[in-house]
Amino acid sequence: MNSKTLENKTNWQILTDIPRFDSIEKLKSCIDNCGGYIVNHTMFSDIAISLTVEIEEKDIQELYENLITDFKIIGKIPESLNQKSNRDWWILINMSFVKGKGNLKREVPNC
């Protein structure tokens, strides 16, 4: 990864009390509707999920505005966005689920 790539990123922390599955679906829908792609994700039990989103610069403000209708976002839109640029950006999102218990277990069947 070169330093130019690192300049094209921003971080958002999202807090939600909406149930986890519903929150993730709303987030995925907003990203998809704004032309973004989830390129990486990691679940942390039922407490949080981290996502890396790739999106064109011109679509970042629309994504942010769509997300704030349902979620509290800590982090801002970069001030110097070019609303006509197709340059790719990474948005690193950490979504925390307020109602998470931290004890999500999944049964693995014996085969």
Foldseek 3Di string as FASTA:
>chain_A
DDVVQVVQEWEKEWEAQPQQVVVVVQLVVLCVVLPKDFPDKDDQARFKMKTKIKAFLLSVVVSVVSVVVHIDMDTDRDPPGDNPTRDIGIYIYMYGHPPDDRDHDDDDDDD
